[in-house]
Amino acid sequence: QRKQELFFASLCHDIRAPIHGIISLTDAVQGSGAVPDAIEKKIGVLRAAAKQLSSLVSDLLDHAAAKDSGGLTIKTQHVALHAILSDVCSIVSPLLREGIALRNETE
């Protein structure tokens, strides 16, 4: 059991390090004026995807820690649904076939 926990923690760290590198690089490029607007928009999508992956890895680590401590606390909070769905649309839209559009109609 302990070996699995150590492996999982190491794996999460190994995944998190390059994700944070991607976030740092996109932060450096965005708003620098070094790339055309169309590329900057794609860099924004890349940054949003990397942030989502980082959040997922954090959630996995939190779950593992809660499992080790014997409990998981779930709390409710308000979320910016429109912003979250906008990020999802931005990330998923490039994967859609031509002629198919994804719109965020939340307010």
Protein backbone atom coordinates (compact mmCIF):
# COMPACT_ATOMS: atom_id res chain seq x y z
CA GLN A 1 0.00 0.00 0.00
CA ARG A 2 2.77 2.46 0.93
CA LYS A 3 4.63 1.73 -2.32
CA GLN A 4 1.47 2.54 -4.28
CA GLU A 5 1.08 5.84 -2.41
CA LEU A 6 4.69 6.82 -3.11
CA PHE A 7 4.34 5.87 -6.76
CA PHE A 8 1.14 7.90 -7.07
CA ALA A 9 2.67 10.97 -5.41
CA SER A 10 5.74 10.72 -7.64
CA LEU A 11 3.61 10.29 -10.75
CA CYS A 12 1.50 13.34 -9.89
CA HIS A 13 4.65 15.40 -9.35
CA ASP A 14 6.08 14.20 -12.67
CA ILE A 15 2.87 15.20 -14.44
CA ARG A 16 2.51 18.52 -12.62
CA ALA A 17 6.02 19.80 -13.41
CA PRO A 18 5.62 19.95 -17.22
CA ILE A 19 2.08 21.29 -16.88
CA HIS A 20 3.37 24.21 -14.82
CA GLY A 21 6.10 24.72 -17.41
CA ILE A 22 3.43 25.03 -20.11
CA ILE A 23 1.45 27.49 -18.00
CA SER A 24 4.57 29.60 -17.37
CA LEU A 25 5.50 29.67 -21.06
CA THR A 26 1.98 30.61 -22.14
CA ASP A 27 1.93 33.37 -19.51
CA ALA A 28 5.20 34.73 -20.87
CA VAL A 29 3.95 34.79 -24.47
CA GLN A 30 0.40 36.03 -23.86
CA GLY A 31 0.18 39.79 -23.98
CA SER A 32 3.80 40.18 -25.04
CA GLY A 33 2.87 41.27 -28.55
CA ALA A 34 5.35 38.75 -29.91
CA VAL A 35 2.76 36.66 -31.76
CA PRO A 36 -0.24 37.45 -33.97
CA ASP A 37 -3.69 37.61 -32.35
CA ALA A 38 -4.80 34.30 -33.90
CA ILE A 39 -1.82 32.51 -32.34
CA GLU A 40 -2.31 34.30 -29.03
CA LYS A 41 -5.89 32.99 -28.91
CA LYS A 42 -4.63 29.44 -29.43
CA ILE A 43 -2.05 29.98 -26.70
CA GLY A 44 -4.93 31.01 -24.43
CA VAL A 45 -6.69 27.73 -25.20
CA LEU A 46 -3.48 25.84 -24.44
CA ARG A 47 -3.15 27.69 -21.13
CA ALA A 48 -6.76 26.91 -20.18
CA ALA A 49 -6.23 23.22 -20.95
CA ALA A 50 -3.01 23.14 -18.90
CA LYS A 51 -4.75 24.85 -15.96
CA GLN A 52 -7.54 22.27 -16.15
CA LEU A 53 -5.00 19.42 -16.11
CA SER A 54 -3.22 21.03 -13.16
CA SER A 55 -6.50 21.25 -11.29
CA LEU A 56 -7.25 17.62 -12.06
CA VAL A 57 -3.86 16.50 -10.71
CA SER A 58 -4.45 18.58 -7.56
CA ASP A 59 -7.85 16.96 -7.13
CA LEU A 60 -6.30 13.51 -7.44
CA LEU A 61 -3.70 14.36 -4.81
CA ASP A 62 -6.39 15.77 -2.51
CA HIS A 63 -8.45 12.61 -2.94
CA ALA A 64 -5.45 10.42 -2.14
CA ALA A 65 -4.63 12.50 0.94
CA ALA A 66 -8.24 12.34 2.12
CA LYS A 67 -8.26 8.59 1.62
CA ASP A 68 -5.11 8.29 3.74
CA SER A 69 -6.54 10.46 6.52
CA GLY A 70 -9.82 8.55 6.55
CA GLY A 71 -12.18 11.18 5.27
CA LEU A 72 -13.12 13.50 2.46
CA THR A 73 -14.84 16.80 3.09
CA ILE A 74 -17.13 18.05 0.37
CA LYS A 75 -18.11 21.69 0.47
CA THR A 76 -20.43 23.60 -1.78
CA GLN A 77 -19.43 26.86 -3.37
CA HIS A 78 -20.53 29.18 -6.12
CA VAL A 79 -18.78 28.70 -9.45
CA ALA A 80 -18.48 30.87 -12.53
CA LEU A 81 -20.34 28.44 -14.78
CA HIS A 82 -20.18 30.66 -17.85
CA ALA A 83 -16.39 31.00 -17.55
CA ILE A 84 -15.94 27.26 -16.99
CA LEU A 85 -18.10 26.37 -19.98
CA SER A 86 -16.33 28.97 -22.13
CA ASP A 87 -13.02 27.27 -21.32
CA VAL A 88 -14.51 23.87 -22.16
CA CYS A 89 -15.84 25.20 -25.49
CA SER A 90 -12.43 26.71 -26.31
CA ILE A 91 -10.63 23.47 -25.55
CA VAL A 92 -13.08 21.16 -27.32
CA SER A 93 -13.94 23.28 -30.39
CA PRO A 94 -10.69 22.56 -32.28
CA LEU A 95 -11.51 18.84 -32.02
CA LEU A 96 -14.89 19.15 -33.73
CA ARG A 97 -15.47 18.22 -37.35
CA GLU A 98 -15.85 21.05 -39.82
CA GLY A 99 -19.37 22.41 -39.88
CA ILE A 100 -20.05 21.55 -36.24
CA ALA A 101 -20.06 24.40 -33.74
CA LEU A 102 -20.14 24.46 -29.97
CA ARG A 103 -21.76 27.47 -28.29
CA ASN A 104 -21.92 28.52 -24.68
CA GLU A 105 -25.39 29.92 -24.10
CA THR A 106 -25.12 30.31 -20.34
CA GLU A 107 -25.36 33.71 -18.69
